[in-house]
Amino acid sequence: MGEITDELTAATTFDAKRAILSKRDMFRPIAVQRTEALADAVARKQVRPETPLLLLERDGAALALLTDQMAFHHVAQGELNGVPFLATF
């Protein structure tokens, strides 16, 4: 395997034969179907101000995912600003 010099090169040299795939999902992806303003979730004490977040931004729209949920599920998918997204952690 050659030297990987940048992300684009790494993506083009991915070897699918090295992937470990199973018929059963070990962790169910989070299907993001509903969102709310982070300020509202903090105000209702659903999210603490110091909670670690994974942030996504697309064309001025932002989405915050809880890292403790992402650490278990590893994948979240849905739509952000009308465009499908897939986030991994």
PDB file of N, CA and C in Angstrom:
ATOM      1  N   MET A   1       0.861  -1.183   0.000  1.00  0.00           N
ATOM      2  CA  MET A   1       0.000   0.000   0.000  1.00  0.00           C
ATOM      3  C   MET A   1       0.896   1.232   0.000  1.00  0.00           C
ATOM      4  N   GLY A   2       0.618   2.188  -0.871  1.00  0.00           N
ATOM      5  CA  GLY A   2       1.439   3.380  -1.014  1.00  0.00           C
ATOM      6  C   GLY A   2       1.217   4.371   0.110  1.00  0.00           C
ATOM      7  N   GLU A   3       2.071   5.366   0.139  1.00  0.00           N
ATOM      8  CA  GLU A   3       1.969   6.414   1.148  1.00  0.00           C
ATOM      9  C   GLU A   3       0.749   7.281   0.890  1.00  0.00           C
ATOM     10  N   ILE A   4       0.003   7.579   1.935  1.00  0.00           N
ATOM     11  CA  ILE A   4      -1.183   8.430   1.825  1.00  0.00           C
ATOM     12  C   ILE A   4      -0.764   9.843   2.183  1.00  0.00           C
ATOM     13  N   THR A   5      -0.967  10.769   1.254  1.00  0.00           N
ATOM     14  CA  THR A   5      -0.484  12.131   1.476  1.00  0.00           C
ATOM     15  C   THR A   5      -1.582  13.128   1.832  1.00  0.00           C
ATOM     16  N   ASP A   6      -2.832  12.841   1.490  1.00  0.00           N
ATOM     17  CA  ASP A   6      -3.916  13.757   1.841  1.00  0.00           C
ATOM     18  C   ASP A   6      -5.232  12.992   1.907  1.00  0.00           C
ATOM     19  N   GLU A   7      -6.293  13.672   2.373  1.00  0.00           N
ATOM     20  CA  GLU A   7      -7.588  13.008   2.547  1.00  0.00           C
ATOM     21  C   GLU A   7      -8.147  12.482   1.239  1.00  0.00           C
ATOM     22  N   LEU A   8      -7.983  13.242   0.160  1.00  0.00           N
ATOM     23  CA  LEU A   8      -8.493  12.810  -1.132  1.00  0.00           C
ATOM     24  C   LEU A   8      -7.816  11.515  -1.556  1.00  0.00           C
ATOM     25  N   THR A   9      -6.516  11.418  -1.390  1.00  0.00           N
ATOM     26  CA  THR A   9      -5.795  10.196  -1.711  1.00  0.00           C
ATOM     27  C   THR A   9      -6.280   9.043  -0.832  1.00  0.00           C
ATOM     28  N   ALA A  10      -6.466   9.322   0.458  1.00  0.00           N
ATOM     29  CA  ALA A  10      -6.929   8.275   1.360  1.00  0.00           C
ATOM     30  C   ALA A  10      -8.279   7.733   0.913  1.00  0.00           C
ATOM     31  N   ALA A  11      -9.174   8.606   0.493  1.00  0.00           N
ATOM     32  CA  ALA A  11     -10.500   8.176   0.064  1.00  0.00           C
ATOM     33  C   ALA A  11     -10.429   7.345  -1.199  1.00  0.00           C
ATOM     34  N   THR A  12      -9.528   7.653  -2.098  1.00  0.00           N
ATOM     35  CA  THR A  12      -9.455   6.919  -3.356  1.00  0.00           C
ATOM     36  C   THR A  12      -8.717   5.602  -3.217  1.00  0.00           C
ATOM     37  N   THR A  13      -7.992   5.387  -2.108  1.00  0.00           N
ATOM     38  CA  THR A  13      -7.261   4.138  -1.930  1.00  0.00           C
ATOM     39  C   THR A  13      -7.915   3.216  -0.906  1.00  0.00           C
ATOM     40  N   PHE A  14      -9.142   3.502  -0.493  1.00  0.00           N
ATOM     41  CA  PHE A  14      -9.856   2.653   0.462  1.00  0.00           C
ATOM     42  C   PHE A  14      -9.988   1.246  -0.092  1.00  0.00           C
ATOM     43  N   ASP A  15      -9.630   0.239   0.698  1.00  0.00           N
ATOM     44  CA  ASP A  15      -9.695  -1.157   0.283  1.00  0.00           C
ATOM     45  C   ASP A  15     -10.908  -1.813   0.927  1.00  0.00           C
ATOM     46  N   ALA A  16     -11.990  -1.972   0.176  1.00  0.00           N
ATOM     47  CA  ALA A  16     -13.237  -2.535   0.700  1.00  0.00           C
ATOM     48  C   ALA A  16     -13.053  -3.961   1.191  1.00  0.00           C
ATOM     49  N   LYS A  17     -12.069  -4.678   0.684  1.00  0.00           N
ATOM     50  CA  LYS A  17     -11.836  -6.062   1.125  1.00  0.00           C
ATOM     51  C   LYS A  17     -11.377  -6.125   2.587  1.00  0.00           C
ATOM     52  N   ARG A  18     -10.892  -5.002   3.113  1.00  0.00           N
ATOM     53  CA  ARG A  18     -10.451  -4.972   4.508  1.00  0.00           C
ATOM     54  C   ARG A  18     -11.584  -4.633   5.467  1.00  0.00           C
ATOM     55  N   ALA A  19     -12.743  -4.254   4.969  1.00  0.00           N
ATOM     56  CA  ALA A  19     -13.879  -3.882   5.818  1.00  0.00           C
ATOM     57  C   ALA A  19     -14.432  -5.122   6.515  1.00  0.00           C
ATOM     58  N   ILE A  20     -14.828  -4.958   7.752  1.00  0.00           N
ATOM     59  CA  ILE A  20     -15.455  -6.041   8.500  1.00  0.00           C
ATOM     60  C   ILE A  20     -16.953  -5.781   8.467  1.00  0.00           C
ATOM     61  N   LEU A  21     -17.667  -6.594   7.705  1.00  0.00           N
ATOM     62  CA  LEU A  21     -19.104  -6.421   7.521  1.00  0.00           C
ATOM     63  C   LEU A  21     -19.837  -7.614   8.121  1.00  0.00           C
ATOM     64  N   SER A  22     -20.997  -7.358   8.664  1.00  0.00           N
ATOM     65  CA  SER A  22     -21.818  -8.452   9.177  1.00  0.00           C
ATOM     66  C   SER A  22     -23.245  -8.244   8.704  1.00  0.00           C
ATOM     67  N   LYS A  23     -24.018  -9.288   8.766  1.00  0.00           N
ATOM     68  CA  LYS A  23     -25.419  -9.202   8.347  1.00  0.00           C
ATOM     69  C   LYS A  23     -26.259  -8.475   9.383  1.00  0.00           C
ATOM     70  N   ARG A  24     -25.760  -8.380  10.599  1.00  0.00           N
ATOM     71  CA  ARG A  24     -26.505  -7.781  11.693  1.00  0.00           C
ATOM     72  C   ARG A  24     -25.844  -6.479  12.104  1.00  0.00           C
ATOM     73  N   ASP A  25     -26.639  -5.425  12.243  1.00  0.00           N
ATOM     74  CA  ASP A  25     -26.108  -4.147  12.717  1.00  0.00           C
ATOM     75  C   ASP A  25     -25.846  -4.246  14.215  1.00  0.00           C
ATOM     76  N   MET A  26     -24.603  -3.992  14.618  1.00  0.00           N
ATOM     77  CA  MET A  26     -24.290  -4.012  16.049  1.00  0.00           C
ATOM     78  C   MET A  26     -24.843  -2.774  16.743  1.00  0.00           C
ATOM     79  N   PHE A  27     -24.867  -1.650  16.032  1.00  0.00           N
ATOM     80  CA  PHE A  27     -25.358  -0.396  16.589  1.00  0.00           C
ATOM     81  C   PHE A  27     -26.345   0.207  15.606  1.00  0.00           C
ATOM     82  N   ARG A  28     -27.549   0.465  16.065  1.00  0.00           N
ATOM     83  CA  ARG A  28     -28.573   1.036  15.200  1.00  0.00           C
ATOM     84  C   ARG A  28     -28.301   2.516  14.961  1.00  0.00           C
ATOM     85  N   PRO A  29     -28.269   2.970  13.696  1.00  0.00           N
ATOM     86  CA  PRO A  29     -28.056   4.400  13.420  1.00  0.00           C
ATOM     87  C   PRO A  29     -29.170   5.251  14.016  1.00  0.00           C
ATOM     88  N   ILE A  30     -28.846   6.478  14.346  1.00  0.00           N
ATOM     89  CA  ILE A  30     -29.854   7.439  14.791  1.00  0.00           C
ATOM     90  C   ILE A  30     -30.493   8.036  13.543  1.00  0.00           C
ATOM     91  N   ALA A  31     -31.788   7.876  13.401  1.00  0.00           N
ATOM     92  CA  ALA A  31     -32.514   8.498  12.300  1.00  0.00           C
ATOM     93  C   ALA A  31     -33.067   9.824  12.829  1.00  0.00           C
ATOM     94  N   VAL A  32     -32.425  10.919  12.465  1.00  0.00           N
ATOM     95  CA  VAL A  32     -32.823  12.241  12.965  1.00  0.00           C
ATOM     96  C   VAL A  32     -34.104  12.649  12.247  1.00  0.00           C
ATOM     97  N   GLN A  33     -35.213  12.616  12.973  1.00  0.00           N
ATOM     98  CA  GLN A  33     -36.513  12.941  12.386  1.00  0.00           C
ATOM     99  C   GLN A  33     -37.076  14.242  12.934  1.00  0.00           C
ATOM    100  N   ARG A  34     -36.592  14.645  14.098  1.00  0.00           N
ATOM    101  CA  ARG A  34     -37.104  15.844  14.746  1.00  0.00           C
ATOM    102  C   ARG A  34     -35.941  16.568  15.399  1.00  0.00           C
ATOM    103  N   THR A  35     -35.936  17.880  15.287  1.00  0.00           N
ATOM    104  CA  THR A  35     -34.904  18.688  15.929  1.00  0.00           C
ATOM    105  C   THR A  35     -35.561  19.809  16.716  1.00  0.00           C
ATOM    106  N   GLU A  36     -34.790  20.408  17.607  1.00  0.00           N
ATOM    107  CA  GLU A  36     -35.256  21.584  18.333  1.00  0.00           C
ATOM    108  C   GLU A  36     -34.067  22.499  18.561  1.00  0.00           C
ATOM    109  N   ALA A  37     -34.342  23.713  18.875  1.00  0.00           N
ATOM    110  CA  ALA A  37     -33.273  24.684  19.115  1.00  0.00           C
ATOM    111  C   ALA A  37     -32.463  24.260  20.330  1.00  0.00           C
ATOM    112  N   LEU A  38     -31.150  24.334  20.213  1.00  0.00           N
ATOM    113  CA  LEU A  38     -30.270  23.955  21.320  1.00  0.00           C
ATOM    114  C   LEU A  38     -30.551  24.818  22.547  1.00  0.00           C
ATOM    115  N   ALA A  39     -30.791  26.098  22.339  1.00  0.00           N
ATOM    116  CA  ALA A  39     -31.087  26.999  23.470  1.00  0.00           C
ATOM    117  C   ALA A  39     -32.328  26.528  24.228  1.00  0.00           C
ATOM    118  N   ASP A  40     -33.337  26.031  23.510  1.00  0.00           N
ATOM    119  CA  ASP A  40     -34.547  25.519  24.162  1.00  0.00           C
ATOM    120  C   ASP A  40     -34.248  24.256  24.965  1.00  0.00           C
ATOM    121  N   ALA A  41     -33.444  23.352  24.406  1.00  0.00           N
ATOM    122  CA  ALA A  41     -33.084  22.113  25.109  1.00  0.00           C
ATOM    123  C   ALA A  41     -32.277  22.416  26.369  1.00  0.00           C
ATOM    124  N   VAL A  42     -31.402  23.411  26.303  1.00  0.00           N
ATOM    125  CA  VAL A  42     -30.630  23.816  27.479  1.00  0.00           C
ATOM    126  C   VAL A  42     -31.559  24.464  28.505  1.00  0.00           C
ATOM    127  N   ALA A  43     -32.454  25.316  28.062  1.00  0.00           N
ATOM    128  CA  ALA A  43     -33.384  25.996  28.979  1.00  0.00           C
ATOM    129  C   ALA A  43     -34.284  24.987  29.708  1.00  0.00           C
ATOM    130  N   ARG A  44     -34.681  23.927  29.008  1.00  0.00           N
ATOM    131  CA  ARG A  44     -35.530  22.892  29.629  1.00  0.00           C
ATOM    132  C   ARG A  44     -34.709  21.856  30.402  1.00  0.00           C
ATOM    133  N   LYS A  45     -33.389  22.065  30.455  1.00  0.00           N
ATOM    134  CA  LYS A  45     -32.454  21.188  31.148  1.00  0.00           C
ATOM    135  C   LYS A  45     -32.417  19.779  30.565  1.00  0.00           C
ATOM    136  N   GLN A  46     -32.704  19.677  29.273  1.00  0.00           N
ATOM    137  CA  GLN A  46     -32.558  18.416  28.555  1.00  0.00           C
ATOM    138  C   GLN A  46     -31.102  18.213  28.141  1.00  0.00           C
ATOM    139  N   VAL A  47     -30.391  19.330  27.961  1.00  0.00           N
ATOM    140  CA  VAL A  47     -28.971  19.323  27.606  1.00  0.00           C
ATOM    141  C   VAL A  47     -28.277  20.321  28.523  1.00  0.00           C
ATOM    142  N   ARG A  48     -27.167  19.909  29.118  1.00  0.00           N
ATOM    143  CA  ARG A  48     -26.391  20.812  29.973  1.00  0.00           C
ATOM    144  C   ARG A  48     -25.507  21.703  29.098  1.00  0.00           C
ATOM    145  N   PRO A  49     -25.235  22.909  29.550  1.00  0.00           N
ATOM    146  CA  PRO A  49     -24.369  23.801  28.768  1.00  0.00           C
ATOM    147  C   PRO A  49     -22.985  23.207  28.478  1.00  0.00           C
ATOM    148  N   GLU A  50     -22.473  22.351  29.359  1.00  0.00           N
ATOM    149  CA  GLU A  50     -21.136  21.770  29.168  1.00  0.00           C
ATOM    150  C   GLU A  50     -21.148  20.441  28.395  1.00  0.00           C
ATOM    151  N   THR A  51     -22.308  20.023  27.897  1.00  0.00           N
ATOM    152  CA  THR A  51     -22.420  18.758  27.171  1.00  0.00           C
ATOM    153  C   THR A  51     -21.590  18.791  25.886  1.00  0.00           C
ATOM    154  N   PRO A  52     -20.716  17.784  25.684  1.00  0.00           N
ATOM    155  CA  PRO A  52     -19.958  17.722  24.425  1.00  0.00           C
ATOM    156  C   PRO A  52     -20.897  17.447  23.243  1.00  0.00           C
ATOM    157  N   LEU A  53     -20.692  18.180  22.166  1.00  0.00           N
ATOM    158  CA  LEU A  53     -21.556  18.071  20.989  1.00  0.00           C
ATOM    159  C   LEU A  53     -20.729  17.861  19.725  1.00  0.00           C
ATOM    160  N   LEU A  54     -21.322  17.191  18.768  1.00  0.00           N
ATOM    161  CA  LEU A  54     -20.777  17.098  17.419  1.00  0.00           C
ATOM    162  C   LEU A  54     -21.625  18.047  16.585  1.00  0.00           C
ATOM    163  N   LEU A  55     -21.006  19.054  15.976  1.00  0.00           N
ATOM    164  CA  LEU A  55     -21.750  20.086  15.256  1.00  0.00           C
ATOM    165  C   LEU A  55     -21.610  19.921  13.751  1.00  0.00           C
ATOM    166  N   LEU A  56     -22.730  20.059  13.054  1.00  0.00           N
ATOM    167  CA  LEU A  56     -22.763  20.050  11.597  1.00  0.00           C
ATOM    168  C   LEU A  56     -23.309  21.390  11.144  1.00  0.00           C
ATOM    169  N   GLU A  57     -22.795  21.900  10.024  1.00  0.00           N
ATOM    170  CA  GLU A  57     -23.298  23.160   9.468  1.00  0.00           C
ATOM    171  C   GLU A  57     -23.376  23.029   7.961  1.00  0.00           C
ATOM    172  N   ARG A  58     -24.491  23.477   7.418  1.00  0.00           N
ATOM    173  CA  ARG A  58     -24.671  23.471   5.961  1.00  0.00           C
ATOM    174  C   ARG A  58     -25.485  24.686   5.578  1.00  0.00           C
ATOM    175  N   ASP A  59     -24.891  25.543   4.775  1.00  0.00           N
ATOM    176  CA  ASP A  59     -25.569  26.731   4.245  1.00  0.00           C
ATOM    177  C   ASP A  59     -26.280  27.543   5.328  1.00  0.00           C
ATOM    178  N   GLY A  60     -25.609  27.738   6.453  1.00  0.00           N
ATOM    179  CA  GLY A  60     -26.161  28.557   7.522  1.00  0.00           C
ATOM    180  C   GLY A  60     -27.048  27.818   8.499  1.00  0.00           C
ATOM    181  N   ALA A  61     -27.426  26.576   8.213  1.00  0.00           N
ATOM    182  CA  ALA A  61     -28.214  25.775   9.145  1.00  0.00           C
ATOM    183  C   ALA A  61     -27.252  24.913   9.955  1.00  0.00           C
ATOM    184  N   ALA A  62     -27.485  24.818  11.260  1.00  0.00           N
ATOM    185  CA  ALA A  62     -26.598  24.042  12.133  1.00  0.00           C
ATOM    186  C   ALA A  62     -27.382  22.948  12.834  1.00  0.00           C
ATOM    187  N   LEU A  63     -26.691  21.866  13.148  1.00  0.00           N
ATOM    188  CA  LEU A  63     -27.277  20.742  13.859  1.00  0.00           C
ATOM    189  C   LEU A  63     -26.263  20.281  14.890  1.00  0.00           C
ATOM    190  N   ALA A  64     -26.698  20.076  16.129  1.00  0.00           N
ATOM    191  CA  ALA A  64     -25.829  19.585  17.195  1.00  0.00           C
ATOM    192  C   ALA A  64     -26.284  18.177  17.567  1.00  0.00           C
ATOM    193  N   LEU A  65     -25.339  17.235  17.554  1.00  0.00           N
ATOM    194  CA  LEU A  65     -25.606  15.865  17.958  1.00  0.00           C
ATOM    195  C   LEU A  65     -24.865  15.600  19.265  1.00  0.00           C
ATOM    196  N   LEU A  66     -25.491  14.897  20.197  1.00  0.00           N
ATOM    197  CA  LEU A  66     -24.856  14.601  21.474  1.00  0.00           C
ATOM    198  C   LEU A  66     -23.774  13.544  21.277  1.00  0.00           C
ATOM    199  N   THR A  67     -22.556  13.848  21.715  1.00  0.00           N
ATOM    200  CA  THR A  67     -21.467  12.902  21.482  1.00  0.00           C
ATOM    201  C   THR A  67     -21.655  11.600  22.254  1.00  0.00           C
ATOM    202  N   ASP A  68     -22.314  11.623  23.415  1.00  0.00           N
ATOM    203  CA  ASP A  68     -22.522  10.359  24.123  1.00  0.00           C
ATOM    204  C   ASP A  68     -23.457   9.433  23.346  1.00  0.00           C
ATOM    205  N   GLN A  69     -24.444   9.988  22.660  1.00  0.00           N
ATOM    206  CA  GLN A  69     -25.303   9.160  21.803  1.00  0.00           C
ATOM    207  C   GLN A  69     -24.550   8.695  20.567  1.00  0.00           C
ATOM    208  N   MET A  70     -23.746   9.587  19.990  1.00  0.00           N
ATOM    209  CA  MET A  70     -22.975   9.215  18.802  1.00  0.00           C
ATOM    210  C   MET A  70     -21.918   8.166  19.132  1.00  0.00           C
ATOM    211  N   ALA A  71     -21.366   8.199  20.336  1.00  0.00           N
ATOM    212  CA  ALA A  71     -20.367   7.208  20.728  1.00  0.00           C
ATOM    213  C   ALA A  71     -20.977   5.812  20.767  1.00  0.00           C
ATOM    214  N   PHE A  72     -22.267   5.708  21.058  1.00  0.00           N
ATOM    215  CA  PHE A  72     -22.931   4.407  21.046  1.00  0.00           C
ATOM    216  C   PHE A  72     -23.412   4.037  19.650  1.00  0.00           C
ATOM    217  N   HIS A  73     -24.151   4.932  19.021  1.00  0.00           N
ATOM    218  CA  HIS A  73     -24.765   4.634  17.719  1.00  0.00           C
ATOM    219  C   HIS A  73     -23.771   4.720  16.557  1.00  0.00           C
ATOM    220  N   HIS A  74     -22.781   5.603  16.661  1.00  0.00           N
ATOM    221  CA  HIS A  74     -21.722   5.802  15.657  1.00  0.00           C
ATOM    222  C   HIS A  74     -22.181   6.475  14.366  1.00  0.00           C
ATOM    223  N   VAL A  75     -23.465   6.433  14.048  1.00  0.00           N
ATOM    224  CA  VAL A  75     -23.962   7.000  12.782  1.00  0.00           C
ATOM    225  C   VAL A  75     -25.281   7.720  13.045  1.00  0.00           C
ATOM    226  N   ALA A  76     -25.429   8.904  12.464  1.00  0.00           N
ATOM    227  CA  ALA A  76     -26.708   9.619  12.470  1.00  0.00           C
ATOM    228  C   ALA A  76     -26.995  10.023  11.033  1.00  0.00           C
ATOM    229  N   GLN A  77     -28.245   9.966  10.664  1.00  0.00           N
ATOM    230  CA  GLN A  77     -28.611  10.363   9.311  1.00  0.00           C
ATOM    231  C   GLN A  77     -29.956  11.070   9.332  1.00  0.00           C
ATOM    232  N   GLY A  78     -30.142  11.940   8.373  1.00  0.00           N
ATOM    233  CA  GLY A  78     -31.371  12.711   8.268  1.00  0.00           C
ATOM    234  C   GLY A  78     -31.216  13.762   7.192  1.00  0.00           C
ATOM    235  N   GLU A  79     -31.916  14.875   7.364  1.00  0.00           N
ATOM    236  CA  GLU A  79     -31.811  15.994   6.431  1.00  0.00           C
ATOM    237  C   GLU A  79     -31.447  17.248   7.196  1.00  0.00           C
ATOM    238  N   LEU A  80     -30.585  18.044   6.604  1.00  0.00           N
ATOM    239  CA  LEU A  80     -30.208  19.336   7.167  1.00  0.00           C
ATOM    240  C   LEU A  80     -30.331  20.355   6.064  1.00  0.00           C
ATOM    241  N   ASN A  81     -31.199  21.319   6.267  1.00  0.00           N
ATOM    242  CA  ASN A  81     -31.445  22.348   5.266  1.00  0.00           C
ATOM    243  C   ASN A  81     -31.931  21.736   3.949  1.00  0.00           C
ATOM    244  N   GLY A  82     -32.740  20.676   4.063  1.00  0.00           N
ATOM    245  CA  GLY A  82     -33.338  20.038   2.892  1.00  0.00           C
ATOM    246  C   GLY A  82     -32.438  19.094   2.129  1.00  0.00           C
ATOM    247  N   VAL A  83     -31.214  18.826   2.646  1.00  0.00           N
ATOM    248  CA  VAL A  83     -30.268  17.949   1.948  1.00  0.00           C
ATOM    249  C   VAL A  83     -29.926  16.784   2.884  1.00  0.00           C
ATOM    250  N   PRO A  84     -29.974  15.548   2.394  1.00  0.00           N
ATOM    251  CA  PRO A  84     -29.631  14.406   3.248  1.00  0.00           C
ATOM    252  C   PRO A  84     -28.206  14.510   3.805  1.00  0.00           C
ATOM    253  N   PHE A  85     -28.011  14.030   5.051  1.00  0.00           N
ATOM    254  CA  PHE A  85     -26.679  13.981   5.634  1.00  0.00           C
ATOM    255  C   PHE A  85     -26.472  12.623   6.294  1.00  0.00           C
ATOM    256  N   LEU A  86     -25.227  12.282   6.464  1.00  0.00           N
ATOM    257  CA  LEU A  86     -24.814  11.114   7.226  1.00  0.00           C
ATOM    258  C   LEU A  86     -23.621  11.556   8.044  1.00  0.00           C
ATOM    259  N   ALA A  87     -23.704  11.432   9.372  1.00  0.00           N
ATOM    260  CA  ALA A  87     -22.604  11.812  10.252  1.00  0.00           C
ATOM    261  C   ALA A  87     -22.114  10.564  10.966  1.00  0.00           C
ATOM    262  N   THR A  88     -20.807  10.403  11.066  1.00  0.00           N
ATOM    263  CA  THR A  88     -20.231   9.269  11.777  1.00  0.00           C
ATOM    264  C   THR A  88     -19.322   9.771  12.871  1.00  0.00           C
ATOM    265  N   PHE A  89     -19.152   8.930  13.890  1.00  0.00           N
ATOM    266  CA  PHE A  89     -18.310   9.291  15.025  1.00  0.00           C
ATOM    267  C   PHE A  89     -17.589   8.058  15.505  1.00  0.00           C
TER     268      PHE A  89
END
